[in-house]
Structures are given as structure tokens and as C-alpha cells.
PDB file of N, CA and C in Angstrom:
ATOM      1  N   MET A   1     -10.027 -21.969   1.437  1.00  0.00           N
ATOM      2  CA  MET A   1      -8.367 -21.298   2.226  1.00  0.00           C
ATOM      3  C   MET A   1      -8.943 -20.229   3.051  1.00  0.00           C
ATOM      4  N   ARG A   2      -7.839 -20.280   4.020  1.00  0.00           N
ATOM      5  CA  ARG A   2      -8.466 -18.929   5.076  1.00  0.00           C
ATOM      6  C   ARG A   2      -7.115 -17.982   4.837  1.00  0.00           C
ATOM      7  N   ILE A   3      -7.848 -16.953   5.116  1.00  0.00           N
ATOM      8  CA  ILE A   3      -6.698 -15.772   5.006  1.00  0.00           C
ATOM      9  C   ILE A   3      -6.357 -15.201   6.397  1.00  0.00           C
ATOM     10  N   LEU A   4      -5.277 -14.507   6.372  1.00  0.00           N
ATOM     11  CA  LEU A   4      -4.697 -14.292   8.021  1.00  0.00           C
ATOM     12  C   LEU A   4      -4.612 -12.652   7.562  1.00  0.00           C
ATOM     13  N   VAL A   5      -5.535 -11.609   8.062  1.00  0.00           N
ATOM     14  CA  VAL A   5      -4.910 -10.380   8.371  1.00  0.00           C
ATOM     15  C   VAL A   5      -4.225  -9.707   9.817  1.00  0.00           C
ATOM     16  N   ILE A   6      -2.935  -9.418   9.238  1.00  0.00           N
ATOM     17  CA  ILE A   6      -2.177  -8.676  10.536  1.00  0.00           C
ATOM     18  C   ILE A   6      -2.022  -7.559  10.242  1.00  0.00           C
ATOM     19  N   ASP A   7      -2.622  -6.543  11.352  1.00  0.00           N
ATOM     20  CA  ASP A   7      -2.751  -5.340  11.242  1.00  0.00           C
ATOM     21  C   ASP A   7      -3.063  -4.696  12.599  1.00  0.00           C
ATOM     22  N   ASP A   8      -2.350  -4.090  12.987  1.00  0.00           N
ATOM     23  CA  ASP A   8      -1.872  -3.505  14.456  1.00  0.00           C
ATOM     24  C   ASP A   8      -3.319  -2.347  15.150  1.00  0.00           C
ATOM     25  N   ASP A   9      -3.934  -1.946  13.686  1.00  0.00           N
ATOM     26  CA  ASP A   9      -5.097  -1.054  14.177  1.00  0.00           C
ATOM     27  C   ASP A   9      -6.225  -1.766  14.068  1.00  0.00           C
ATOM     28  N   ASP A  10      -7.130  -2.008  14.944  1.00  0.00           N
ATOM     29  CA  ASP A  10      -8.454  -2.782  15.191  1.00  0.00           C
ATOM     30  C   ASP A  10      -8.842  -2.041  14.622  1.00  0.00           C
ATOM     31  N   VAL A  11      -9.302  -0.754  14.232  1.00  0.00           N
ATOM     32  CA  VAL A  11     -10.485  -0.738  13.208  1.00  0.00           C
ATOM     33  C   VAL A  11     -10.395  -0.859  11.889  1.00  0.00           C
ATOM     34  N   VAL A  12      -8.786  -1.045  11.477  1.00  0.00           N
ATOM     35  CA  VAL A  12      -8.585  -1.150   9.889  1.00  0.00           C
ATOM     36  C   VAL A  12      -8.720  -2.694   9.817  1.00  0.00           C
ATOM     37  N   ARG A  13      -7.956  -3.519  11.102  1.00  0.00           N
ATOM     38  CA  ARG A  13      -7.975  -5.132  10.791  1.00  0.00           C
ATOM     39  C   ARG A  13      -9.633  -5.665  10.906  1.00  0.00           C
ATOM     40  N   GLU A  14     -10.421  -5.047  11.517  1.00  0.00           N
ATOM     41  CA  GLU A  14     -11.853  -5.365  11.623  1.00  0.00           C
ATOM     42  C   GLU A  14     -12.245  -5.032  10.324  1.00  0.00           C
ATOM     43  N   MET A  15     -12.204  -3.853   9.579  1.00  0.00           N
ATOM     44  CA  MET A  15     -12.624  -3.732   8.406  1.00  0.00           C
ATOM     45  C   MET A  15     -12.241  -4.590   7.142  1.00  0.00           C
ATOM     46  N   ILE A  16     -11.425  -4.632   7.337  1.00  0.00           N
ATOM     47  CA  ILE A  16     -10.541  -5.662   6.149  1.00  0.00           C
ATOM     48  C   ILE A  16     -10.754  -7.142   6.413  1.00  0.00           C
ATOM     49  N   CYS A  17     -11.368  -7.783   7.627  1.00  0.00           N
ATOM     50  CA  CYS A  17     -11.762  -8.921   8.102  1.00  0.00           C
ATOM     51  C   CYS A  17     -13.261  -9.100   7.171  1.00  0.00           C
ATOM     52  N   ARG A  18     -14.212  -7.661   7.662  1.00  0.00           N
ATOM     53  CA  ARG A  18     -15.166  -7.948   7.024  1.00  0.00           C
ATOM     54  C   ARG A  18     -15.259  -7.790   6.011  1.00  0.00           C
ATOM     55  N   MET A  19     -14.680  -6.773   5.006  1.00  0.00           N
ATOM     56  CA  MET A  19     -14.679  -7.016   3.454  1.00  0.00           C
ATOM     57  C   MET A  19     -14.630  -8.639   3.104  1.00  0.00           C
ATOM     58  N   LEU A  20     -13.744  -9.171   3.805  1.00  0.00           N
ATOM     59  CA  LEU A  20     -13.171 -10.570   3.432  1.00  0.00           C
ATOM     60  C   LEU A  20     -14.461 -11.440   3.569  1.00  0.00           C
ATOM     61  N   THR A  21     -15.351 -11.287   5.037  1.00  0.00           N
ATOM     62  CA  THR A  21     -15.840 -12.527   5.229  1.00  0.00           C
ATOM     63  C   THR A  21     -17.628 -12.161   4.346  1.00  0.00           C
ATOM     64  N   ASP A  22     -17.440 -11.042   4.065  1.00  0.00           N
ATOM     65  CA  ASP A  22     -18.970 -10.449   3.245  1.00  0.00           C
ATOM     66  C   ASP A  22     -18.916 -11.428   1.889  1.00  0.00           C
ATOM     67  N   VAL A  23     -17.549 -11.803   1.477  1.00  0.00           N
ATOM     68  CA  VAL A  23     -17.917 -12.213   0.105  1.00  0.00           C
ATOM     69  C   VAL A  23     -17.291 -13.737   0.249  1.00  0.00           C
ATOM     70  N   GLY A  24     -17.445 -13.998   1.578  1.00  0.00           N
ATOM     71  CA  GLY A  24     -17.359 -15.785   1.387  1.00  0.00           C
ATOM     72  C   GLY A  24     -15.815 -16.026   2.009  1.00  0.00           C
ATOM     73  N   HIS A  25     -15.193 -15.254   2.090  1.00  0.00           N
ATOM     74  CA  HIS A  25     -13.557 -15.863   2.572  1.00  0.00           C
ATOM     75  C   HIS A  25     -13.552 -16.155   4.177  1.00  0.00           C
ATOM     76  N   GLU A  26     -12.944 -17.046   4.745  1.00  0.00           N
ATOM     77  CA  GLU A  26     -12.947 -17.372   5.845  1.00  0.00           C
ATOM     78  C   GLU A  26     -11.432 -16.548   6.857  1.00  0.00           C
ATOM     79  N   VAL A  27     -11.504 -15.848   7.728  1.00  0.00           N
ATOM     80  CA  VAL A  27     -10.320 -15.213   7.740  1.00  0.00           C
ATOM     81  C   VAL A  27     -10.138 -15.128   9.500  1.00  0.00           C
ATOM     82  N   THR A  28      -8.762 -15.249   9.795  1.00  0.00           N
ATOM     83  CA  THR A  28      -8.264 -14.743  11.157  1.00  0.00           C
ATOM     84  C   THR A  28      -7.564 -13.792  11.263  1.00  0.00           C
ATOM     85  N   GLN A  29      -7.367 -13.470  12.377  1.00  0.00           N
ATOM     86  CA  GLN A  29      -6.609 -12.145  12.490  1.00  0.00           C
ATOM     87  C   GLN A  29      -5.394 -12.245  13.796  1.00  0.00           C
ATOM     88  N   ALA A  30      -4.631 -11.200  13.376  1.00  0.00           N
ATOM     89  CA  ALA A  30      -3.431 -11.073  14.135  1.00  0.00           C
ATOM     90  C   ALA A  30      -3.317  -9.544  14.426  1.00  0.00           C
ATOM     91  N   ARG A  31      -3.007  -9.189  15.618  1.00  0.00           N
ATOM     92  CA  ARG A  31      -2.534  -7.968  15.912  1.00  0.00           C
ATOM     93  C   ARG A  31      -1.173  -7.261  15.310  1.00  0.00           C
ATOM     94  N   ASP A  32       0.031  -7.913  15.433  1.00  0.00           N
ATOM     95  CA  ASP A  32       1.338  -7.784  14.876  1.00  0.00           C
ATOM     96  C   ASP A  32       2.129  -9.242  14.231  1.00  0.00           C
ATOM     97  N   GLY A  33       3.109  -9.062  13.774  1.00  0.00           N
ATOM     98  CA  GLY A  33       3.782  -9.937  13.103  1.00  0.00           C
ATOM     99  C   GLY A  33       4.131 -10.885  14.059  1.00  0.00           C
ATOM    100  N   LYS A  34       4.301 -10.730  15.481  1.00  0.00           N
ATOM    101  CA  LYS A  34       4.786 -11.919  16.256  1.00  0.00           C
ATOM    102  C   LYS A  34       3.761 -12.677  16.322  1.00  0.00           C
ATOM    103  N   GLU A  35       2.366 -11.965  16.542  1.00  0.00           N
ATOM    104  CA  GLU A  35       1.086 -13.118  16.766  1.00  0.00           C
ATOM    105  C   GLU A  35       0.670 -13.661  15.535  1.00  0.00           C
ATOM    106  N   GLY A  36       1.271 -13.195  14.095  1.00  0.00           N
ATOM    107  CA  GLY A  36       0.784 -13.702  13.027  1.00  0.00           C
ATOM    108  C   GLY A  36       1.427 -15.134  12.835  1.00  0.00           C
ATOM    109  N   LEU A  37       2.785 -14.733  12.690  1.00  0.00           N
ATOM    110  CA  LEU A  37       3.951 -16.050  12.574  1.00  0.00           C
ATOM    111  C   LEU A  37       3.434 -17.175  13.490  1.00  0.00           C
ATOM    112  N   ARG A  38       3.082 -17.288  14.659  1.00  0.00           N
ATOM    113  CA  ARG A  38       2.731 -17.711  15.472  1.00  0.00           C
ATOM    114  C   ARG A  38       1.176 -18.735  14.833  1.00  0.00           C
ATOM    115  N   ILE A  39       0.486 -17.732  14.480  1.00  0.00           N
ATOM    116  CA  ILE A  39      -1.037 -18.254  13.388  1.00  0.00           C
ATOM    117  C   ILE A  39      -0.461 -19.368  12.482  1.00  0.00           C
ATOM    118  N   VAL A  40       0.394 -18.510  11.469  1.00  0.00           N
ATOM    119  CA  VAL A  40       0.807 -19.100  10.239  1.00  0.00           C
ATOM    120  C   VAL A  40       1.640 -20.568  10.846  1.00  0.00           C
ATOM    121  N   ALA A  41       2.137 -20.666  11.870  1.00  0.00           N
ATOM    122  CA  ALA A  41       2.986 -22.288  12.121  1.00  0.00           C
ATOM    123  C   ALA A  41       2.515 -22.971  12.691  1.00  0.00           C
ATOM    124  N   LYS A  42       1.014 -22.817  12.945  1.00  0.00           N
ATOM    125  CA  LYS A  42       0.015 -23.426  13.806  1.00  0.00           C
ATOM    126  C   LYS A  42      -1.159 -24.103  12.784  1.00  0.00           C
ATOM    127  N   GLU A  43      -1.269 -23.189  12.122  1.00  0.00           N
ATOM    128  CA  GLU A  43      -2.694 -23.320  11.277  1.00  0.00           C
ATOM    129  C   GLU A  43      -2.460 -23.444   9.533  1.00  0.00           C
ATOM    130  N   ALA A  44      -2.410 -24.876   9.336  1.00  0.00           N
ATOM    131  CA  ALA A  44      -1.614 -25.258   7.993  1.00  0.00           C
ATOM    132  C   ALA A  44      -2.911 -24.699   6.668  1.00  0.00           C
ATOM    133  N   ASP A  45      -4.107 -24.699   7.196  1.00  0.00           N
ATOM    134  CA  ASP A  45      -4.979 -24.360   6.131  1.00  0.00           C
ATOM    135  C   ASP A  45      -4.685 -22.727   5.902  1.00  0.00           C
ATOM    136  N   ILE A  46      -4.069 -21.844   6.433  1.00  0.00           N
ATOM    137  CA  ILE A  46      -3.759 -20.385   5.695  1.00  0.00           C
ATOM    138  C   ILE A  46      -3.007 -20.347   4.332  1.00  0.00           C
ATOM    139  N   GLY A  47      -3.520 -19.796   3.209  1.00  0.00           N
ATOM    140  CA  GLY A  47      -3.057 -19.774   1.968  1.00  0.00           C
ATOM    141  C   GLY A  47      -2.598 -18.245   1.971  1.00  0.00           C
ATOM    142  N   MET A  48      -3.144 -17.081   2.671  1.00  0.00           N
ATOM    143  CA  MET A  48      -2.993 -16.021   2.255  1.00  0.00           C
ATOM    144  C   MET A  48      -2.719 -14.931   3.629  1.00  0.00           C
ATOM    145  N   VAL A  49      -2.013 -14.341   3.431  1.00  0.00           N
ATOM    146  CA  VAL A  49      -1.334 -13.181   4.488  1.00  0.00           C
ATOM    147  C   VAL A  49      -1.742 -12.000   4.054  1.00  0.00           C
ATOM    148  N   ILE A  50      -2.266 -11.127   4.654  1.00  0.00           N
ATOM    149  CA  ILE A  50      -2.580  -9.661   4.250  1.00  0.00           C
ATOM    150  C   ILE A  50      -1.875  -9.067   5.490  1.00  0.00           C
ATOM    151  N   SER A  51      -0.950  -8.436   5.334  1.00  0.00           N
ATOM    152  CA  SER A  51       0.142  -7.580   6.567  1.00  0.00           C
ATOM    153  C   SER A  51       0.184  -6.435   6.360  1.00  0.00           C
ATOM    154  N   ASP A  52      -0.215  -5.750   7.398  1.00  0.00           N
ATOM    155  CA  ASP A  52       0.409  -4.827   7.508  1.00  0.00           C
ATOM    156  C   ASP A  52       2.234  -4.366   7.436  1.00  0.00           C
ATOM    157  N   LEU A  53       2.559  -3.243   7.307  1.00  0.00           N
ATOM    158  CA  LEU A  53       4.028  -3.042   7.307  1.00  0.00           C
ATOM    159  C   LEU A  53       4.636  -2.534   8.704  1.00  0.00           C
ATOM    160  N   ILE A  54       3.934  -1.357   8.997  1.00  0.00           N
ATOM    161  CA  ILE A  54       4.666  -0.481  10.434  1.00  0.00           C
ATOM    162  C   ILE A  54       3.696  -1.271  11.401  1.00  0.00           C
ATOM    163  N   MET A  55       4.321  -2.022  12.382  1.00  0.00           N
ATOM    164  CA  MET A  55       3.658  -2.898  13.541  1.00  0.00           C
ATOM    165  C   MET A  55       4.794  -2.447  14.556  1.00  0.00           C
ATOM    166  N   PRO A  56       4.132  -2.994  15.776  1.00  0.00           N
ATOM    167  CA  PRO A  56       4.836  -3.054  16.929  1.00  0.00           C
ATOM    168  C   PRO A  56       5.429  -4.228  17.099  1.00  0.00           C
ATOM    169  N   GLU A  57       5.869  -4.713  17.894  1.00  0.00           N
ATOM    170  CA  GLU A  57       6.757  -6.299  18.115  1.00  0.00           C
ATOM    171  C   GLU A  57       7.326  -6.578  17.015  1.00  0.00           C
ATOM    172  N   LYS A  58       6.777  -6.944  15.930  1.00  0.00           N
ATOM    173  CA  LYS A  58       7.304  -7.955  14.702  1.00  0.00           C
ATOM    174  C   LYS A  58       6.874  -6.850  13.627  1.00  0.00           C
ATOM    175  N   GLU A  59       7.423  -6.087  12.892  1.00  0.00           N
ATOM    176  CA  GLU A  59       7.390  -5.267  11.622  1.00  0.00           C
ATOM    177  C   GLU A  59       6.580  -6.421  10.742  1.00  0.00           C
ATOM    178  N   GLY A  60       5.989  -5.601   9.260  1.00  0.00           N
ATOM    179  CA  GLY A  60       5.647  -6.454   8.496  1.00  0.00           C
ATOM    180  C   GLY A  60       6.459  -6.980   7.525  1.00  0.00           C
ATOM    181  N   ILE A  61       7.860  -6.174   7.406  1.00  0.00           N
ATOM    182  CA  ILE A  61       8.912  -6.562   6.210  1.00  0.00           C
ATOM    183  C   ILE A  61       9.704  -7.857   6.950  1.00  0.00           C
ATOM    184  N   GLU A  62      10.044  -7.550   8.401  1.00  0.00           N
ATOM    185  CA  GLU A  62       9.921  -8.719   8.937  1.00  0.00           C
ATOM    186  C   GLU A  62       9.294 -10.225   8.640  1.00  0.00           C
ATOM    187  N   THR A  63       8.131  -9.949   9.217  1.00  0.00           N
ATOM    188  CA  THR A  63       7.159 -11.068   8.900  1.00  0.00           C
ATOM    189  C   THR A  63       7.022 -11.678   7.611  1.00  0.00           C
ATOM    190  N   ILE A  64       6.915 -10.874   6.624  1.00  0.00           N
ATOM    191  CA  ILE A  64       7.129 -11.274   5.000  1.00  0.00           C
ATOM    192  C   ILE A  64       8.169 -12.120   5.073  1.00  0.00           C
ATOM    193  N   ARG A  65       9.197 -11.478   5.250  1.00  0.00           N
ATOM    194  CA  ARG A  65      10.697 -12.217   4.746  1.00  0.00           C
ATOM    195  C   ARG A  65      10.393 -13.509   5.407  1.00  0.00           C
ATOM    196  N   GLU A  66      10.074 -13.599   6.961  1.00  0.00           N
ATOM    197  CA  GLU A  66      10.190 -15.318   7.495  1.00  0.00           C
ATOM    198  C   GLU A  66       8.929 -16.015   6.916  1.00  0.00           C
ATOM    199  N   ILE A  67       7.670 -15.869   6.408  1.00  0.00           N
ATOM    200  CA  ILE A  67       6.490 -16.214   6.147  1.00  0.00           C
ATOM    201  C   ILE A  67       7.068 -16.712   4.964  1.00  0.00           C
ATOM    202  N   ARG A  68       7.556 -15.935   3.888  1.00  0.00           N
ATOM    203  CA  ARG A  68       8.414 -16.564   2.756  1.00  0.00           C
ATOM    204  C   ARG A  68       9.420 -17.553   2.713  1.00  0.00           C
ATOM    205  N   GLY A  69      10.129 -17.288   3.609  1.00  0.00           N
ATOM    206  CA  GLY A  69      11.268 -18.349   3.821  1.00  0.00           C
ATOM    207  C   GLY A  69      10.539 -19.449   4.327  1.00  0.00           C
ATOM    208  N   ASP A  70       9.679 -19.632   5.391  1.00  0.00           N
ATOM    209  CA  ASP A  70       9.367 -20.813   5.623  1.00  0.00           C
ATOM    210  C   ASP A  70       7.910 -21.579   4.427  1.00  0.00           C
ATOM    211  N   HIS A  71       7.250 -20.517   4.136  1.00  0.00           N
ATOM    212  CA  HIS A  71       5.806 -21.143   3.233  1.00  0.00           C
ATOM    213  C   HIS A  71       6.130 -20.314   1.672  1.00  0.00           C
ATOM    214  N   PRO A  72       6.929 -20.873   0.929  1.00  0.00           N
ATOM    215  CA  PRO A  72       7.183 -20.061   0.010  1.00  0.00           C
ATOM    216  C   PRO A  72       6.096 -20.040  -0.874  1.00  0.00           C
ATOM    217  N   GLU A  73       5.068 -21.021  -0.790  1.00  0.00           N
ATOM    218  CA  GLU A  73       3.743 -20.921  -1.872  1.00  0.00           C
ATOM    219  C   GLU A  73       2.710 -20.054  -1.398  1.00  0.00           C
ATOM    220  N   MET A  74       2.936 -20.043  -0.122  1.00  0.00           N
ATOM    221  CA  MET A  74       1.907 -18.757   0.633  1.00  0.00           C
ATOM    222  C   MET A  74       1.614 -17.291  -0.161  1.00  0.00           C
ATOM    223  N   LYS A  75       0.405 -16.716  -0.346  1.00  0.00           N
ATOM    224  CA  LYS A  75       0.467 -15.617  -1.010  1.00  0.00           C
ATOM    225  C   LYS A  75       0.436 -14.370  -0.314  1.00  0.00           C
ATOM    226  N   ILE A  76       1.084 -13.384   0.000  1.00  0.00           N
ATOM    227  CA  ILE A  76       1.187 -12.223   0.420  1.00  0.00           C
ATOM    228  C   ILE A  76       1.089 -11.106   0.313  1.00  0.00           C
ATOM    229  N   LEU A  77      -0.041 -10.206   0.842  1.00  0.00           N
ATOM    230  CA  LEU A  77      -0.339  -9.282   0.104  1.00  0.00           C
ATOM    231  C   LEU A  77       0.391  -7.964   1.111  1.00  0.00           C
ATOM    232  N   ALA A  78       1.155  -7.056   0.947  1.00  0.00           N
ATOM    233  CA  ALA A  78       1.514  -5.917   1.849  1.00  0.00           C
ATOM    234  C   ALA A  78       0.962  -4.770   2.057  1.00  0.00           C
ATOM    235  N   ILE A  79       0.217  -4.962   2.835  1.00  0.00           N
ATOM    236  CA  ILE A  79      -0.105  -3.068   3.224  1.00  0.00           C
ATOM    237  C   ILE A  79       0.418  -2.113   3.490  1.00  0.00           C
ATOM    238  N   SER A  80       0.183  -0.946   3.263  1.00  0.00           N
ATOM    239  CA  SER A  80       0.795   0.374   4.259  1.00  0.00           C
ATOM    240  C   SER A  80       0.092   1.867   3.837  1.00  0.00           C
ATOM    241  N   GLY A  81       0.018   2.331   4.992  1.00  0.00           N
ATOM    242  CA  GLY A  81      -0.047   3.954   4.961  1.00  0.00           C
ATOM    243  C   GLY A  81       0.694   4.766   5.088  1.00  0.00           C
ATOM    244  N   GLY A  82       1.824   4.375   5.188  1.00  0.00           N
ATOM    245  CA  GLY A  82       2.906   5.287   5.370  1.00  0.00           C
ATOM    246  C   GLY A  82       4.107   5.101   6.291  1.00  0.00           C
ATOM    247  N   GLY A  83       4.158   5.702   7.046  1.00  0.00           N
ATOM    248  CA  GLY A  83       5.582   6.192   8.268  1.00  0.00           C
ATOM    249  C   GLY A  83       6.497   7.057   7.349  1.00  0.00           C
ATOM    250  N   ALA A  84       7.799   7.248   8.085  1.00  0.00           N
ATOM    251  CA  ALA A  84       8.911   8.223   7.745  1.00  0.00           C
ATOM    252  C   ALA A  84       9.194   8.124   6.285  1.00  0.00           C
ATOM    253  N   GLY A  85       9.576   6.841   5.894  1.00  0.00           N
ATOM    254  CA  GLY A  85      10.421   6.857   4.449  1.00  0.00           C
ATOM    255  C   GLY A  85       8.903   6.987   3.234  1.00  0.00           C
ATOM    256  N   GLY A  86       7.513   6.885   3.497  1.00  0.00           N
ATOM    257  CA  GLY A  86       6.532   7.531   2.662  1.00  0.00           C
ATOM    258  C   GLY A  86       5.779   5.814   2.571  1.00  0.00           C
ATOM    259  N   ALA A  87       4.344   5.417   2.316  1.00  0.00           N
ATOM    260  CA  ALA A  87       4.217   4.249   2.024  1.00  0.00           C
ATOM    261  C   ALA A  87       4.927   3.819   0.676  1.00  0.00           C
ATOM    262  N   GLN A  88       5.179   4.234  -0.341  1.00  0.00           N
ATOM    263  CA  GLN A  88       5.589   3.580  -1.685  1.00  0.00           C
ATOM    264  C   GLN A  88       6.789   2.977  -1.386  1.00  0.00           C
ATOM    265  N   ALA A  89       7.975   3.718  -0.392  1.00  0.00           N
ATOM    266  CA  ALA A  89       8.922   2.966  -0.225  1.00  0.00           C
ATOM    267  C   ALA A  89       8.704   1.857   0.480  1.00  0.00           C
ATOM    268  N   TYR A  90       7.742   1.540   1.670  1.00  0.00           N
ATOM    269  CA  TYR A  90       7.675   0.427   2.030  1.00  0.00           C
ATOM    270  C   TYR A  90       7.144  -0.630   1.542  1.00  0.00           C
ATOM    271  N   LEU A  91       6.265  -0.296   0.724  1.00  0.00           N
ATOM    272  CA  LEU A  91       5.607  -0.865  -0.030  1.00  0.00           C
ATOM    273  C   LEU A  91       6.340  -1.659  -0.954  1.00  0.00           C
ATOM    274  N   SER A  92       7.253  -1.064  -1.855  1.00  0.00           N
ATOM    275  CA  SER A  92       8.637  -1.323  -2.745  1.00  0.00           C
ATOM    276  C   SER A  92       9.199  -2.653  -2.206  1.00  0.00           C
ATOM    277  N   LEU A  93       9.551  -2.055  -0.780  1.00  0.00           N
ATOM    278  CA  LEU A  93      10.805  -3.030  -0.198  1.00  0.00           C
ATOM    279  C   LEU A  93       9.729  -4.415   0.175  1.00  0.00           C
ATOM    280  N   ALA A  94       8.708  -4.229   0.489  1.00  0.00           N
ATOM    281  CA  ALA A  94       7.752  -5.729   0.656  1.00  0.00           C
ATOM    282  C   ALA A  94       7.965  -6.290  -0.444  1.00  0.00           C
ATOM    283  N   GLY A  95       7.467  -5.928  -1.933  1.00  0.00           N
ATOM    284  CA  GLY A  95       7.564  -6.377  -2.924  1.00  0.00           C
ATOM    285  C   GLY A  95       9.287  -7.249  -3.149  1.00  0.00           C
ATOM    286  N   LYS A  96      10.156  -6.169  -2.946  1.00  0.00           N
ATOM    287  CA  LYS A  96      11.567  -6.738  -3.141  1.00  0.00           C
ATOM    288  C   LYS A  96      11.582  -8.252  -2.451  1.00  0.00           C
ATOM    289  N   ILE A  97      11.164  -8.201  -1.298  1.00  0.00           N
ATOM    290  CA  ILE A  97      11.354  -9.303   0.225  1.00  0.00           C
ATOM    291  C   ILE A  97      10.539 -10.035   0.265  1.00  0.00           C
ATOM    292  N   GLY A  98       9.448 -10.438  -1.083  1.00  0.00           N
ATOM    293  CA  GLY A  98       8.698 -11.483  -0.975  1.00  0.00           C
ATOM    294  C   GLY A  98       6.768 -11.235  -1.239  1.00  0.00           C
ATOM    295  N   ALA A  99       6.677  -9.665  -0.929  1.00  0.00           N
ATOM    296  CA  ALA A  99       4.830  -9.684  -1.343  1.00  0.00           C
ATOM    297  C   ALA A  99       4.496 -10.114  -2.695  1.00  0.00           C
ATOM    298  N   ASP A 100       3.613 -10.743  -2.730  1.00  0.00           N
ATOM    299  CA  ASP A 100       2.736 -10.652  -4.243  1.00  0.00           C
ATOM    300  C   ASP A 100       2.523  -9.493  -4.670  1.00  0.00           C
ATOM    301  N   ALA A 101       1.611  -9.218  -3.894  1.00  0.00           N
ATOM    302  CA  ALA A 101       1.177  -8.019  -4.540  1.00  0.00           C
ATOM    303  C   ALA A 101       1.055  -6.610  -3.160  1.00  0.00           C
ATOM    304  N   THR A 102       0.860  -5.773  -3.592  1.00  0.00           N
ATOM    305  CA  THR A 102       0.836  -4.392  -2.440  1.00  0.00           C
ATOM    306  C   THR A 102      -0.195  -3.275  -2.607  1.00  0.00           C
ATOM    307  N   LEU A 103      -0.373  -2.844  -1.879  1.00  0.00           N
ATOM    308  CA  LEU A 103      -1.622  -2.083  -1.833  1.00  0.00           C
ATOM    309  C   LEU A 103      -1.636  -0.782  -0.604  1.00  0.00           C
ATOM    310  N   LYS A 104      -1.798   0.482  -1.270  1.00  0.00           N
ATOM    311  CA  LYS A 104      -1.549   1.500  -0.383  1.00  0.00           C
ATOM    312  C   LYS A 104      -3.016   1.785   0.433  1.00  0.00           C
ATOM    313  N   LYS A 105      -2.623   2.441   1.638  1.00  0.00           N
ATOM    314  CA  LYS A 105      -3.657   2.447   2.488  1.00  0.00           C
ATOM    315  C   LYS A 105      -4.065   3.815   1.964  1.00  0.00           C
ATOM    316  N   PRO A 106      -5.246   4.700   2.027  1.00  0.00           N
ATOM    317  CA  PRO A 106      -6.614   3.998   2.431  1.00  0.00           C
ATOM    318  C   PRO A 106      -6.870   3.459   0.854  1.00  0.00           C
ATOM    319  N   PHE A 107      -7.625   2.028   1.188  1.00  0.00           N
ATOM    320  CA  PHE A 107      -8.420   1.910   0.087  1.00  0.00           C
ATOM    321  C   PHE A 107      -9.529   1.091  -0.019  1.00  0.00           C
ATOM    322  N   VAL A 108     -10.263   1.226  -0.870  1.00  0.00           N
ATOM    323  CA  VAL A 108     -11.954   0.636  -0.979  1.00  0.00           C
ATOM    324  C   VAL A 108     -11.900  -0.720  -1.239  1.00  0.00           C
ATOM    325  N   SER A 109     -12.980  -1.031  -0.611  1.00  0.00           N
ATOM    326  CA  SER A 109     -13.426  -2.882  -0.718  1.00  0.00           C
ATOM    327  C   SER A 109     -13.118  -3.110  -2.314  1.00  0.00           C
ATOM    328  N   ASP A 110     -13.830  -2.500  -3.111  1.00  0.00           N
ATOM    329  CA  ASP A 110     -13.017  -3.018  -4.388  1.00  0.00           C
ATOM    330  C   ASP A 110     -11.606  -3.267  -4.612  1.00  0.00           C
ATOM    331  N   GLU A 111     -11.010  -3.077  -4.751  1.00  0.00           N
ATOM    332  CA  GLU A 111      -9.380  -2.761  -4.886  1.00  0.00           C
ATOM    333  C   GLU A 111      -9.165  -3.709  -3.889  1.00  0.00           C
ATOM    334  N   LEU A 112      -9.230  -3.965  -2.708  1.00  0.00           N
ATOM    335  CA  LEU A 112      -8.618  -4.787  -2.033  1.00  0.00           C
ATOM    336  C   LEU A 112      -9.293  -6.540  -2.690  1.00  0.00           C
ATOM    337  N   LEU A 113     -10.635  -6.418  -2.802  1.00  0.00           N
ATOM    338  CA  LEU A 113     -11.064  -7.760  -3.401  1.00  0.00           C
ATOM    339  C   LEU A 113     -10.563  -8.117  -4.642  1.00  0.00           C
ATOM    340  N   SER A 114     -10.317  -7.143  -5.413  1.00  0.00           N
ATOM    341  CA  SER A 114      -9.717  -7.098  -6.507  1.00  0.00           C
ATOM    342  C   SER A 114      -8.264  -8.052  -6.778  1.00  0.00           C
ATOM    343  N   VAL A 115      -7.217  -7.744  -5.517  1.00  0.00           N
ATOM    344  CA  VAL A 115      -6.095  -8.030  -5.437  1.00  0.00           C
ATOM    345  C   VAL A 115      -5.960  -9.274  -4.967  1.00  0.00           C
ATOM    346  N   VAL A 116      -7.195  -9.600  -4.095  1.00  0.00           N
ATOM    347  CA  VAL A 116      -7.175 -10.938  -3.515  1.00  0.00           C
ATOM    348  C   VAL A 116      -7.804 -11.781  -4.231  1.00  0.00           C
ATOM    349  N   ARG A 117      -8.670 -11.600  -5.292  1.00  0.00           N
ATOM    350  CA  ARG A 117      -9.430 -12.035  -6.540  1.00  0.00           C
ATOM    351  C   ARG A 117      -8.279 -12.727  -7.180  1.00  0.00           C
ATOM    352  N   ASP A 118      -7.169 -11.951  -7.391  1.00  0.00           N
ATOM    353  CA  ASP A 118      -6.048 -11.920  -8.505  1.00  0.00           C
ATOM    354  C   ASP A 118      -5.100 -12.839  -7.829  1.00  0.00           C
ATOM    355  N   LEU A 119      -4.984 -13.079  -6.593  1.00  0.00           N
ATOM    356  CA  LEU A 119      -3.755 -13.852  -6.079  1.00  0.00           C
ATOM    357  C   LEU A 119      -4.458 -15.049  -5.438  1.00  0.00           C
ATOM    358  N   VAL A 120      -5.590 -15.414  -5.101  1.00  0.00           N
ATOM    359  CA  VAL A 120      -6.536 -16.863  -4.603  1.00  0.00           C
ATOM    360  C   VAL A 120      -7.145 -17.179  -5.810  1.00  0.00           C
ATOM    361  N   GLY A 121      -7.332 -16.506  -6.704  1.00  0.00           N
ATOM    362  CA  GLY A 121      -8.424 -17.236  -7.452  1.00  0.00           C
ATOM    363  C   GLY A 121      -9.723 -16.983  -7.881  1.00  0.00           C
ATOM    364  N   ASN A 122     -10.475 -16.472  -6.803  1.00  0.00           N
ATOM    365  CA  ASN A 122     -11.852 -16.432  -6.119  1.00  0.00           C
ATOM    366  C   ASN A 122     -12.071 -15.058  -6.140  1.00  0.00           C
TER     367      ASN A 122
END
């Protein structure tokens, strides 16, 4: 199963991808929700999406809602470091609209990998 990481911050996105590939996951990247949705639509082997919530082009809440509508079986992890309402408000909303799990930035590798293991079973 491949994991799609959607985050507009290149450093954060690369760090997450490295954490995942270091433990054997196959990873694809997108810079925003618009690009992420294009990838999900054309690549059938993506089984999980990790999406930031505050991004340009198409933000994470809208991206999660669309993925959940088109792919109800796909696992979704929402991540956020804040915004005007604070990270917890955004993460709570993400959970209500379809994210299977949420994680507040900054996080360490063990936290991310634990959530991913719980969601995908490896």
C-alpha cells in the first residue's frame, strides 16, 4: 500500500516521507490538496493519505471531505500546526468530516509511525 503525503511545507513533507520510507512504506508526495486529489484519482494503489490542513490552492478540510466521499475505504490522517483558530480546532473539524486520526505538529517520528501502524496495520 502506498501512502500519499500532502503538505505545502517542503521541509515537513520531506521529513514525513523520510520517516515513512525508513520503515518500508512506499510514499508519494503532493504540495497541496489540488495536486493530492489528482494523484488519488489516478493512482489506485494509494491506501492512506496524510494531509496538512492549512494549505494554499485547496486546503486540507476540503481535500479530506472529497477523498472521503470518493474513497470511503481510504485511511486518512490529518495533521496541523495551527492557524487562526488553533491546531486543535482544525484537527477536531477534520475528525468530524472524515479523518480516521489526527496529529498535532510538531510531532516526533515515533508518534507518526504509531498512528500509521494503527491505521494500516504495519
